[in-house]
N, C-alpha and C. Protein backbone atom coordinates (compact mmCIF):
# COMPACT_ATOMS: atom_id res chain seq x y z
N MET A 1 -36.64 -9.44 -8.93
CA MET A 1 -36.20 -9.13 -9.91
C MET A 1 -35.37 -7.89 -11.27
N ILE A 2 -34.27 -7.55 -11.56
CA ILE A 2 -34.72 -6.21 -11.83
C ILE A 2 -34.40 -6.05 -13.21
N ASP A 3 -35.46 -4.88 -13.62
CA ASP A 3 -36.12 -3.87 -14.66
C ASP A 3 -34.54 -3.48 -15.68
N THR A 4 -33.69 -5.14 -16.20
CA THR A 4 -32.52 -3.96 -16.90
C THR A 4 -32.66 -3.01 -18.21
N LYS A 5 -33.94 -3.40 -18.81
CA LYS A 5 -33.80 -2.43 -19.54
C LYS A 5 -34.31 -0.91 -19.22
N ALA A 6 -35.88 -0.90 -17.64
CA ALA A 6 -35.20 0.25 -17.75
C ALA A 6 -34.27 1.24 -17.01
N ARG A 7 -33.72 0.34 -15.94
CA ARG A 7 -32.07 1.00 -16.12
C ARG A 7 -31.24 1.11 -16.94
N LYS A 8 -31.30 0.20 -18.59
CA LYS A 8 -29.94 1.06 -19.08
C LYS A 8 -30.73 2.43 -19.70
N LYS A 9 -31.61 2.61 -20.11
CA LYS A 9 -32.92 3.38 -20.31
C LYS A 9 -32.61 4.92 -19.25
N ALA A 10 -32.75 4.87 -17.92
CA ALA A 10 -32.01 5.55 -17.53
C ALA A 10 -30.52 6.17 -17.12
N LEU A 11 -29.89 4.81 -17.44
CA LEU A 11 -28.51 5.21 -17.44
C LEU A 11 -28.01 5.71 -18.59
N MET A 12 -28.55 5.17 -20.07
CA MET A 12 -28.46 6.02 -21.56
C MET A 12 -28.38 7.83 -21.68
N ALA A 13 -29.94 7.38 -20.93
CA ALA A 13 -30.08 8.68 -20.28
C ALA A 13 -29.43 10.41 -19.73
N ARG A 14 -28.98 9.62 -18.78
CA ARG A 14 -27.43 10.23 -18.34
C ARG A 14 -26.96 10.10 -18.87
N LEU A 15 -26.01 9.88 -19.56
CA LEU A 15 -24.22 9.15 -20.24
C LEU A 15 -25.48 10.49 -21.19
N ALA A 16 -26.56 10.69 -21.84
CA ALA A 16 -26.75 11.86 -22.44
C ALA A 16 -26.63 13.23 -22.19
N GLU A 17 -27.21 12.82 -21.64
CA GLU A 17 -27.13 14.65 -20.31
C GLU A 17 -25.10 14.86 -19.76
N LEU A 18 -24.82 13.68 -19.37
CA LEU A 18 -22.92 14.64 -18.56
C LEU A 18 -23.01 14.63 -20.84
N ASP A 19 -22.67 14.66 -21.34
CA ASP A 19 -22.00 14.78 -22.77
C ASP A 19 -22.41 16.41 -23.43
N THR A 20 -24.00 16.73 -23.31
CA THR A 20 -24.49 17.39 -22.97
C THR A 20 -23.70 18.55 -22.63
N ARG A 21 -23.87 18.26 -20.95
CA ARG A 21 -22.47 18.91 -20.05
C ARG A 21 -21.23 19.43 -19.57
N LEU A 22 -20.50 18.05 -20.13
CA LEU A 22 -19.46 18.09 -20.46
C LEU A 22 -19.08 18.95 -21.61
N HIS A 23 -19.85 19.35 -22.84
CA HIS A 23 -19.69 19.54 -24.16
C HIS A 23 -19.51 21.44 -23.44
N GLU A 24 -20.32 21.67 -23.30
CA GLU A 24 -20.58 22.80 -22.14
C GLU A 24 -19.67 23.21 -21.37
N ILE A 25 -19.05 22.50 -20.84
CA ILE A 25 -18.08 23.13 -19.86
C ILE A 25 -16.38 23.40 -20.51
N GLU A 26 -16.36 22.43 -22.21
CA GLU A 26 -15.48 21.81 -23.12
C GLU A 26 -15.32 23.55 -23.37
N ASP A 27 -17.24 23.74 -23.68
CA ASP A 27 -17.07 25.50 -24.45
C ASP A 27 -16.63 26.31 -23.90
N GLU A 28 -17.05 26.75 -22.15
CA GLU A 28 -16.77 27.21 -21.87
C GLU A 28 -15.24 27.61 -21.35
N LEU A 29 -14.45 26.42 -20.91
CA LEU A 29 -12.78 26.13 -20.50
C LEU A 29 -12.43 27.39 -21.84
N ASP A 30 -13.20 26.65 -23.67
CA ASP A 30 -11.99 27.25 -24.33
C ASP A 30 -12.22 28.67 -25.12
N ASN A 31 -12.99 29.19 -23.78
CA ASN A 31 -13.57 30.91 -24.33
C ASN A 31 -11.75 31.44 -23.63
N PRO A 32 -11.40 33.03 -24.60
CA PRO A 32 -10.47 32.65 -25.00
C PRO A 32 -9.83 33.85 -23.08
N PRO A 33 -9.41 33.49 -22.11
CA PRO A 33 -9.56 35.01 -21.13
C PRO A 33 -9.21 36.23 -21.08
N SER A 34 -9.75 36.75 -20.53
CA SER A 34 -9.97 38.66 -20.62
C SER A 34 -9.04 39.29 -20.38
N LYS A 35 -8.45 40.19 -20.67
CA LYS A 35 -7.34 40.90 -21.22
C LYS A 35 -6.71 41.68 -19.56
N ASP A 36 -8.21 42.27 -18.69
CA ASP A 36 -8.00 42.74 -17.83
C ASP A 36 -7.68 41.30 -16.73
N TRP A 37 -6.34 41.78 -15.71
CA TRP A 37 -5.56 41.01 -15.28
C TRP A 37 -6.96 40.79 -13.21
N GLU A 38 -7.12 41.24 -13.37
CA GLU A 38 -8.53 40.93 -12.52
C GLU A 38 -9.53 40.13 -12.60
N GLU A 39 -10.05 40.68 -13.57
CA GLU A 39 -11.34 39.47 -14.23
C GLU A 39 -10.59 38.15 -15.34
N ALA A 40 -8.93 38.26 -15.18
CA ALA A 40 -8.60 37.40 -16.28
C ALA A 40 -8.77 35.85 -14.35
N ALA A 41 -7.85 36.57 -13.69
CA ALA A 41 -7.76 35.97 -12.17
C ALA A 41 -8.76 35.38 -11.57
N VAL A 42 -9.96 35.59 -12.27
CA VAL A 42 -11.35 35.13 -12.01
C VAL A 42 -11.79 34.20 -12.67
N GLU A 43 -11.24 34.19 -13.39
CA GLU A 43 -11.96 33.44 -14.78
C GLU A 43 -11.37 32.26 -14.04
N ARG A 44 -9.84 32.68 -13.30
CA ARG A 44 -8.42 31.10 -13.95
C ARG A 44 -9.51 30.47 -12.65
N GLU A 45 -10.32 31.28 -11.29
CA GLU A 45 -10.64 30.83 -10.65
C GLU A 45 -12.20 29.93 -10.99
N ASP A 46 -12.47 30.39 -11.43
CA ASP A 46 -13.88 29.25 -12.39
C ASP A 46 -13.55 28.96 -13.20
N ASP A 47 -12.64 28.37 -14.08
CA ASP A 47 -12.52 27.38 -14.87
C ASP A 47 -11.43 26.30 -14.71
N GLU A 48 -10.62 26.54 -13.19
CA GLU A 48 -10.59 25.88 -12.15
C GLU A 48 -12.17 24.58 -11.54
N VAL A 49 -12.41 25.50 -11.24
CA VAL A 49 -13.99 24.66 -10.93
C VAL A 49 -14.73 24.28 -11.59
N LEU A 50 -14.43 24.42 -13.47
CA LEU A 50 -14.86 23.30 -14.26
C LEU A 50 -14.36 22.78 -14.58
N GLU A 51 -12.89 22.68 -14.30
CA GLU A 51 -11.93 21.52 -14.71
C GLU A 51 -12.84 20.28 -13.91
N GLN A 52 -12.40 20.90 -12.47
CA GLN A 52 -13.14 19.81 -11.78
C GLN A 52 -14.30 18.96 -12.24
N LEU A 53 -15.31 20.24 -12.75
CA LEU A 53 -16.61 18.96 -12.92
C LEU A 53 -16.62 19.09 -13.69
N GLY A 54 -15.67 19.11 -15.17
CA GLY A 54 -15.79 17.90 -15.93
C GLY A 54 -15.77 16.83 -15.75
N GLN A 55 -13.89 16.74 -14.72
CA GLN A 55 -14.12 15.19 -14.40
C GLN A 55 -14.87 14.48 -13.41
N SER A 56 -15.36 14.48 -12.66
CA SER A 56 -16.88 14.44 -11.59
C SER A 56 -17.40 13.87 -12.78
N GLY A 57 -17.74 14.20 -14.27
CA GLY A 57 -18.70 14.49 -15.19
C GLY A 57 -17.93 12.62 -15.92
N GLN A 58 -16.58 13.01 -16.32
CA GLN A 58 -16.15 11.70 -17.28
C GLN A 58 -15.95 10.77 -15.52
N ASP A 59 -15.72 10.48 -14.55
CA ASP A 59 -15.87 9.74 -14.30
C ASP A 59 -17.07 8.55 -14.17
N GLU A 60 -18.42 9.77 -13.70
CA GLU A 60 -19.37 9.25 -13.99
C GLU A 60 -20.14 8.43 -14.71
N ILE A 61 -19.05 9.20 -16.15
CA ILE A 61 -19.68 8.51 -17.40
C ILE A 61 -18.12 6.84 -17.57
N LEU A 62 -17.84 6.62 -17.27
CA LEU A 62 -16.91 5.94 -16.63
C LEU A 62 -17.44 4.62 -16.11
N ARG A 63 -19.11 4.62 -14.90
CA ARG A 63 -18.96 4.38 -13.89
C ARG A 63 -19.88 3.80 -14.56
N ILE A 64 -20.82 4.52 -15.39
CA ILE A 64 -22.13 4.46 -16.05
C ILE A 64 -22.08 3.53 -16.98
N ARG A 65 -20.74 3.79 -18.36
CA ARG A 65 -20.95 2.60 -18.99
C ARG A 65 -20.71 0.79 -18.58
N ALA A 66 -19.84 1.45 -17.16
CA ALA A 66 -18.75 -0.38 -16.52
C ALA A 66 -20.91 -0.59 -16.84
N ALA A 67 -21.84 0.13 -16.17
CA ALA A 67 -23.10 -0.32 -15.46
C ALA A 67 -23.56 -0.96 -17.15
N LEU A 68 -23.50 -0.53 -18.05
CA LEU A 68 -24.41 -0.26 -18.96
C LEU A 68 -22.96 -2.09 -19.98
N LYS A 69 -22.63 -2.28 -19.64
CA LYS A 69 -21.82 -3.37 -20.09
C LYS A 69 -21.44 -4.53 -18.91
N ARG A 70 -21.99 -4.72 -17.94
CA ARG A 70 -22.97 -5.30 -16.62
C ARG A 70 -24.05 -5.47 -17.14
N ILE A 71 -24.64 -4.86 -17.69
CA ILE A 71 -26.29 -5.28 -18.66
C ILE A 71 -25.73 -5.98 -19.32
N ARG A 72 -25.16 -5.46 -20.87
CA ARG A 72 -24.43 -6.51 -21.57
C ARG A 72 -24.52 -7.89 -21.06
N ASP A 73 -23.39 -8.05 -20.49
CA ASP A 73 -23.18 -9.47 -20.19
C ASP A 73 -23.89 -10.43 -18.80
N GLY A 74 -24.99 -9.89 -18.42
CA GLY A 74 -26.10 -10.46 -18.10
C GLY A 74 -25.05 -10.09 -16.65
N GLU A 75 -24.90 -8.93 -16.24
CA GLU A 75 -24.14 -8.75 -15.02
C GLU A 75 -24.10 -8.02 -14.06
N TYR A 76 -25.19 -7.29 -14.65
CA TYR A 76 -25.63 -5.73 -13.77
C TYR A 76 -26.38 -6.51 -11.84
N GLY A 77 -26.76 -5.35 -11.10
CA GLY A 77 -27.50 -5.83 -10.14
C GLY A 77 -25.47 -7.50 -8.91
N ILE A 78 -25.82 -8.02 -9.82
CA ILE A 78 -24.34 -8.77 -9.13
C ILE A 78 -23.23 -7.86 -8.93
N CYS A 79 -22.11 -7.68 -7.89
CA CYS A 79 -21.18 -7.16 -7.11
C CYS A 79 -19.62 -7.78 -7.71
N VAL A 80 -19.40 -6.83 -8.16
CA VAL A 80 -18.08 -7.24 -8.92
C VAL A 80 -16.52 -7.42 -8.32
N ARG A 81 -17.35 -7.32 -6.75
CA ARG A 81 -16.12 -7.79 -5.60
C ARG A 81 -16.58 -9.46 -4.85
N CYS A 82 -17.44 -9.95 -4.22
CA CYS A 82 -18.22 -10.06 -3.85
C CYS A 82 -18.93 -11.39 -4.39
N GLY A 83 -19.65 -10.86 -5.27
CA GLY A 83 -20.97 -11.54 -5.94
C GLY A 83 -22.03 -12.24 -5.44
N ASP A 84 -22.33 -11.47 -4.42
CA ASP A 84 -23.92 -11.01 -3.78
C ASP A 84 -24.31 -9.78 -4.37
N ASP A 85 -26.03 -10.33 -4.45
CA ASP A 85 -27.24 -9.63 -5.49
C ASP A 85 -26.28 -8.21 -4.85
N ILE A 86 -27.05 -6.60 -5.87
CA ILE A 86 -27.30 -5.23 -5.22
C ILE A 86 -28.46 -4.91 -4.68
N ALA A 87 -29.28 -4.87 -3.33
CA ALA A 87 -30.25 -4.77 -3.33
C ALA A 87 -31.03 -3.58 -4.41
N PRO A 88 -32.23 -4.25 -5.03
CA PRO A 88 -32.35 -2.95 -5.38
C PRO A 88 -32.46 -1.38 -5.01
N GLU A 89 -32.59 -1.46 -3.78
CA GLU A 89 -33.21 -0.41 -3.91
C GLU A 89 -31.77 0.50 -3.56
N ARG A 90 -30.65 -0.66 -3.51
CA ARG A 90 -29.41 0.15 -3.37
C ARG A 90 -29.49 1.09 -5.01
N LEU A 91 -29.82 0.66 -5.98
CA LEU A 91 -29.19 0.46 -7.14
C LEU A 91 -30.55 1.60 -7.62
N ASP A 92 -31.35 1.35 -7.10
CA ASP A 92 -32.97 3.00 -7.50
C ASP A 92 -31.75 4.21 -6.92
N VAL A 93 -31.32 4.54 -6.37
CA VAL A 93 -30.47 5.67 -5.39
C VAL A 93 -28.95 5.98 -5.76
N LEU A 94 -28.43 4.02 -6.83
CA LEU A 94 -27.38 4.52 -7.35
C LEU A 94 -26.43 2.63 -8.38
N PRO A 95 -27.07 3.91 -9.51
CA PRO A 95 -27.47 2.75 -10.62
C PRO A 95 -26.31 2.12 -11.66
N ASP A 96 -25.15 3.36 -10.39
CA ASP A 96 -24.45 2.62 -12.30
C ASP A 96 -23.24 1.94 -10.66
N THR A 97 -23.32 1.56 -9.18
CA THR A 97 -23.15 0.67 -8.26
C THR A 97 -22.05 -0.49 -9.07
N PRO A 98 -20.90 -0.64 -8.98
CA PRO A 98 -20.68 -1.74 -8.87
C PRO A 98 -20.89 -2.28 -7.77
N LEU A 99 -21.11 -2.46 -7.29
CA LEU A 99 -20.51 -3.21 -5.10
C LEU A 99 -21.81 -3.19 -4.58
N CYS A 100 -21.60 -4.21 -3.68
CA CYS A 100 -23.59 -4.55 -2.94
C CYS A 100 -22.86 -3.70 -1.71
N LYS A 101 -23.19 -2.98 -0.48
CA LYS A 101 -23.56 -2.20 0.44
C LYS A 101 -22.41 -3.22 0.81
N PRO A 102 -22.86 -4.32 2.11
CA PRO A 102 -20.83 -4.44 2.57
C PRO A 102 -19.35 -5.07 1.66
N ALA A 103 -19.46 -4.41 0.45
CA ALA A 103 -18.06 -4.77 -0.34
C ALA A 103 -17.59 -3.10 -0.16
N ARG A 104 -18.19 -2.11 -0.59
CA ARG A 104 -19.00 -0.66 -0.54
C ARG A 104 -17.13 -0.29 -0.26
N GLN A 105 -17.54 -0.55 1.17
CA GLN A 105 -15.77 0.00 1.79
C GLN A 105 -14.77 -1.80 1.44
N PRO A 106 -13.98 -1.02 0.78
CA PRO A 106 -13.07 -1.78 1.03
C PRO A 106 -11.72 -2.82 2.43
N SER A 107 -11.15 -4.37 2.05
CA SER A 107 -10.45 -4.36 3.48
C SER A 107 -9.57 -3.98 2.93
N ARG A 108 -8.45 -4.03 3.73
CA ARG A 108 -6.73 -3.53 3.13
C ARG A 108 -6.92 -4.84 2.67
N GLY A 109 -5.78 -4.43 1.82
CA GLY A 109 -5.52 -5.48 0.78
C GLY A 109 -6.18 -4.94 -0.86
N ASP A 110 -7.53 -4.41 -0.64
CA ASP A 110 -8.84 -4.65 -1.25
C ASP A 110 -8.55 -3.40 -2.30
N ALA A 111 -8.48 -4.02 -2.96
CA ALA A 111 -8.09 -2.18 -4.41
C ALA A 111 -10.03 -2.26 -4.90
N GLU A 112 -10.00 -0.70 -5.29
CA GLU A 112 -11.21 -0.45 -5.80
C GLU A 112 -11.08 -1.38 -7.20
N PRO A 113 -13.24 -1.51 -7.49
CA PRO A 113 -12.17 -1.87 -9.06
C PRO A 113 -12.28 -1.15 -10.18
N ASP A 114 -11.21 -1.55 -10.83
CA ASP A 114 -11.00 -0.89 -12.15
C ASP A 114 -12.20 -0.43 -12.35
N LEU A 115 -12.49 0.50 -12.65
CA LEU A 115 -13.76 0.90 -13.75
C LEU A 115 -12.94 0.75 -14.91
N ARG A 116 -12.23 1.32 -15.79
CA ARG A 116 -11.99 1.43 -16.92
C ARG A 116 -11.57 0.31 -17.49
N ARG A 117 -10.73 -0.69 -16.49
CA ARG A 117 -10.66 -2.14 -16.89
C ARG A 117 -12.31 -2.76 -17.08
N ILE A 118 -13.60 -1.88 -16.90
CA ILE A 118 -14.54 -3.01 -16.57
C ILE A 118 -15.16 -2.42 -17.36
N ALA A 119 -15.15 -1.39 -17.78
CA ALA A 119 -15.72 -1.38 -18.99
C ALA A 119 -16.02 -0.90 -20.32
N THR A 120 -14.73 -1.56 -20.85
CA THR A 120 -13.82 -2.19 -21.83
C THR A 120 -14.52 -3.60 -22.34
């Protein structure tokens, strides 16, 4: 049996951590560029890395929100693709995963779950 209370607590903590990180990234990206063109070029490269980190954080937030919705709906730990139970060991490593191990690779014609739809 999955301890959804502990999972929810861990997911909420990770969500708060990501929120803090994304605000820090946003603040860094809002800094005005350097007037020195060489320094501005380096800053632009840094900004591209920060933007990618920000996007990765936003993607993880979507997965966490979808997992929290599955907890609320009583569906946490159940694969959204095949309906089988997700192994607790898999959830230990990937607490926001919507898929069991066999279903993690889509078959031809299968689409990845739409996390935006699942999270709402």
